[in-house]
Amino acid sequence: MLQRVTFAILLFVLLPFAFAQAPSAPGKPLPPGPMQAKIKATCTQCHNATRITEQHLSHSDWSKELEKMEGLGASIPEEDRSAILAYLTKNFGPQKGAAKTPAKRTGEAAN
């Protein structure tokens, strides 16, 4: 019984790491720009740049992504928020590729 409980606890604790994207994995580079260094420093602590470069979101959707990342622990200074959104929208907006919406989390209700 103790082994099953220990296994269940270990599985519960380690499962999120199994799905995390390694920040050290090589990713597509971020384009030059005034916010490149701040985005790289903030965002690639948890995932590589490919997580950003493969998305092509609207300004509104990038704003929602930033809010979601803040909810997950990212620190985005309020004074940089507009410039970060401008950088993301300019370089990874719908005009740069097929428009996508942020992926829904498992169990999240569709609107």
C-alpha atoms as a PDB file:
ATOM      1  CA  MET A   1       0.000   0.000   0.000  1.00  0.00           C
ATOM      2  CA  LEU A   2       2.792   2.405   0.917  1.00  0.00           C
ATOM      3  CA  GLN A   3       4.494   1.705  -2.414  1.00  0.00           C
ATOM      4  CA  ARG A   4       1.320   2.559  -4.332  1.00  0.00           C
ATOM      5  CA  VAL A   5       0.853   5.812  -2.430  1.00  0.00           C
ATOM      6  CA  THR A   6       4.505   6.741  -2.957  1.00  0.00           C
ATOM      7  CA  PHE A   7       4.237   5.935  -6.664  1.00  0.00           C
ATOM      8  CA  ALA A   8       1.055   8.006  -7.012  1.00  0.00           C
ATOM      9  CA  ILE A   9       2.651  10.988  -5.283  1.00  0.00           C
ATOM     10  CA  LEU A  10       5.796  10.704  -7.390  1.00  0.00           C
ATOM     11  CA  LEU A  11       3.738  10.443 -10.575  1.00  0.00           C
ATOM     12  CA  PHE A  12       1.646  13.472  -9.609  1.00  0.00           C
ATOM     13  CA  VAL A  13       4.757  15.553  -8.879  1.00  0.00           C
ATOM     14  CA  LEU A  14       6.773  14.524 -11.948  1.00  0.00           C
ATOM     15  CA  LEU A  15       4.036  14.372 -14.596  1.00  0.00           C
ATOM     16  CA  PRO A  16       4.114  18.134 -15.416  1.00  0.00           C
ATOM     17  CA  PHE A  17       7.837  17.869 -16.111  1.00  0.00           C
ATOM     18  CA  ALA A  18       7.241  15.137 -18.665  1.00  0.00           C
ATOM     19  CA  PHE A  19       5.251  17.567 -20.818  1.00  0.00           C
ATOM     20  CA  ALA A  20       7.418  20.648 -20.251  1.00  0.00           C
ATOM     21  CA  GLN A  21       9.527  21.892 -23.126  1.00  0.00           C
ATOM     22  CA  ALA A  22      13.184  22.047 -22.172  1.00  0.00           C
ATOM     23  CA  PRO A  23      14.360  25.684 -22.168  1.00  0.00           C
ATOM     24  CA  SER A  24      17.835  24.589 -23.229  1.00  0.00           C
ATOM     25  CA  ALA A  25      16.548  22.857 -26.376  1.00  0.00           C
ATOM     26  CA  PRO A  26      17.585  24.765 -29.484  1.00  0.00           C
ATOM     27  CA  GLY A  27      14.814  26.874 -30.885  1.00  0.00           C
ATOM     28  CA  LYS A  28      14.235  29.213 -33.781  1.00  0.00           C
ATOM     29  CA  PRO A  29      15.898  32.540 -32.915  1.00  0.00           C
ATOM     30  CA  LEU A  30      13.874  35.594 -32.019  1.00  0.00           C
ATOM     31  CA  PRO A  31      14.146  38.429 -34.563  1.00  0.00           C
ATOM     32  CA  PRO A  32      16.110  41.534 -33.578  1.00  0.00           C
ATOM     33  CA  GLY A  33      14.156  44.274 -31.890  1.00  0.00           C
ATOM     34  CA  PRO A  34      14.073  46.400 -28.748  1.00  0.00           C
ATOM     35  CA  MET A  35      12.218  43.740 -26.728  1.00  0.00           C
ATOM     36  CA  GLN A  36      14.148  40.710 -28.009  1.00  0.00           C
ATOM     37  CA  ALA A  37      16.471  40.501 -24.984  1.00  0.00           C
ATOM     38  CA  LYS A  38      13.653  40.947 -22.439  1.00  0.00           C
ATOM     39  CA  ILE A  39      11.437  38.369 -24.131  1.00  0.00           C
ATOM     40  CA  LYS A  40      14.328  35.947 -24.415  1.00  0.00           C
ATOM     41  CA  ALA A  41      15.268  36.426 -20.752  1.00  0.00           C
ATOM     42  CA  THR A  42      11.699  36.109 -19.484  1.00  0.00           C
ATOM     43  CA  CYS A  43      10.109  33.525 -21.752  1.00  0.00           C
ATOM     44  CA  THR A  44      12.951  31.111 -22.343  1.00  0.00           C
ATOM     45  CA  GLN A  45      13.312  30.429 -18.637  1.00  0.00           C
ATOM     46  CA  CYS A  46      10.470  27.924 -19.024  1.00  0.00           C
ATOM     47  CA  HIS A  47      10.374  27.067 -22.743  1.00  0.00           C
ATOM     48  CA  ASN A  48      12.474  27.592 -25.837  1.00  0.00           C
ATOM     49  CA  ALA A  49      11.868  30.352 -28.367  1.00  0.00           C
ATOM     50  CA  THR A  50      10.133  27.984 -30.781  1.00  0.00           C
ATOM     51  CA  ARG A  51       7.086  28.077 -28.502  1.00  0.00           C
ATOM     52  CA  ILE A  52       6.857  31.769 -29.463  1.00  0.00           C
ATOM     53  CA  THR A  53       8.077  31.735 -33.065  1.00  0.00           C
ATOM     54  CA  GLU A  54       5.640  29.043 -34.220  1.00  0.00           C
ATOM     55  CA  GLN A  55       2.578  30.972 -33.060  1.00  0.00           C
ATOM     56  CA  HIS A  56       0.951  33.669 -35.175  1.00  0.00           C
ATOM     57  CA  LEU A  57      -1.515  35.392 -32.901  1.00  0.00           C
ATOM     58  CA  SER A  58      -3.421  38.651 -33.025  1.00  0.00           C
ATOM     59  CA  HIS A  59      -2.576  41.476 -30.631  1.00  0.00           C
ATOM     60  CA  SER A  60      -5.525  40.456 -28.474  1.00  0.00           C
ATOM     61  CA  ASP A  61      -4.477  36.796 -28.413  1.00  0.00           C
ATOM     62  CA  TRP A  62      -0.860  37.695 -27.542  1.00  0.00           C
ATOM     63  CA  SER A  63      -2.223  39.801 -24.682  1.00  0.00           C
ATOM     64  CA  LYS A  64      -4.180  36.776 -23.433  1.00  0.00           C
ATOM     65  CA  GLU A  65      -1.031  34.625 -23.737  1.00  0.00           C
ATOM     66  CA  LEU A  66       0.916  37.118 -21.618  1.00  0.00           C
ATOM     67  CA  GLU A  67      -1.838  37.041 -18.993  1.00  0.00           C
ATOM     68  CA  LYS A  68      -1.776  33.243 -19.032  1.00  0.00           C
ATOM     69  CA  MET A  69       2.025  33.187 -18.658  1.00  0.00           C
ATOM     70  CA  GLU A  70       1.816  35.649 -15.756  1.00  0.00           C
ATOM     71  CA  GLY A  71      -0.671  33.295 -14.129  1.00  0.00           C
ATOM     72  CA  LEU A  72       1.930  30.546 -14.519  1.00  0.00           C
ATOM     73  CA  GLY A  73       4.622  32.660 -12.853  1.00  0.00           C
ATOM     74  CA  ALA A  74       6.185  34.819 -15.583  1.00  0.00           C
ATOM     75  CA  SER A  75       7.171  38.305 -14.464  1.00  0.00           C
ATOM     76  CA  ILE A  76       6.200  40.864 -17.110  1.00  0.00           C
ATOM     77  CA  PRO A  77       6.835  44.460 -16.008  1.00  0.00           C
ATOM     78  CA  GLU A  78       3.801  46.643 -16.689  1.00  0.00           C
ATOM     79  CA  GLU A  79       6.020  49.339 -18.230  1.00  0.00           C
ATOM     80  CA  ASP A  80       7.233  46.820 -20.862  1.00  0.00           C
ATOM     81  CA  ARG A  81       3.872  45.228 -21.637  1.00  0.00           C
ATOM     82  CA  SER A  82       2.914  47.471 -24.596  1.00  0.00           C
ATOM     83  CA  ALA A  83       6.348  47.165 -26.207  1.00  0.00           C
ATOM     84  CA  ILE A  84       6.379  43.376 -25.720  1.00  0.00           C
ATOM     85  CA  LEU A  85       2.911  43.095 -27.293  1.00  0.00           C
ATOM     86  CA  ALA A  86       4.017  45.279 -30.212  1.00  0.00           C
ATOM     87  CA  TYR A  87       7.122  43.106 -30.766  1.00  0.00           C
ATOM     88  CA  LEU A  88       5.162  39.851 -30.599  1.00  0.00           C
ATOM     89  CA  THR A  89       2.383  41.110 -32.882  1.00  0.00           C
ATOM     90  CA  LYS A  90       4.822  42.581 -35.409  1.00  0.00           C
ATOM     91  CA  ASN A  91       7.014  39.481 -35.598  1.00  0.00           C
ATOM     92  CA  PHE A  92       4.505  36.716 -34.842  1.00  0.00           C
ATOM     93  CA  GLY A  93       1.135  38.176 -35.748  1.00  0.00           C
ATOM     94  CA  PRO A  94      -1.435  36.677 -38.120  1.00  0.00           C
ATOM     95  CA  GLN A  95       0.155  38.497 -41.072  1.00  0.00           C
ATOM     96  CA  LYS A  96       3.373  36.490 -40.521  1.00  0.00           C
ATOM     97  CA  GLY A  97       1.655  33.123 -40.924  1.00  0.00           C
ATOM     98  CA  ALA A  98      -1.600  31.273 -40.580  1.00  0.00           C
ATOM     99  CA  ALA A  99      -3.673  32.754 -37.766  1.00  0.00           C
ATOM    100  CA  LYS A 100      -3.839  30.467 -34.762  1.00  0.00           C
ATOM    101  CA  THR A 101      -5.553  30.657 -31.455  1.00  0.00           C
ATOM    102  CA  PRO A 102      -3.839  29.650 -28.228  1.00  0.00           C
ATOM    103  CA  ALA A 103      -4.109  25.932 -27.517  1.00  0.00           C
ATOM    104  CA  LYS A 104      -6.804  25.020 -25.026  1.00  0.00           C
ATOM    105  CA  ARG A 105      -5.733  23.204 -21.912  1.00  0.00           C
ATOM    106  CA  THR A 106      -7.093  19.741 -21.370  1.00  0.00           C
ATOM    107  CA  GLY A 107     -10.400  19.956 -19.578  1.00  0.00           C
ATOM    108  CA  GLU A 108     -10.947  23.617 -20.446  1.00  0.00           C
ATOM    109  CA  ALA A 109     -14.474  24.323 -21.604  1.00  0.00           C
ATOM    110  CA  ALA A 110     -14.913  25.648 -25.114  1.00  0.00           C
ATOM    111  CA  ASN A 111     -16.668  28.995 -25.497  1.00  0.00           C
END
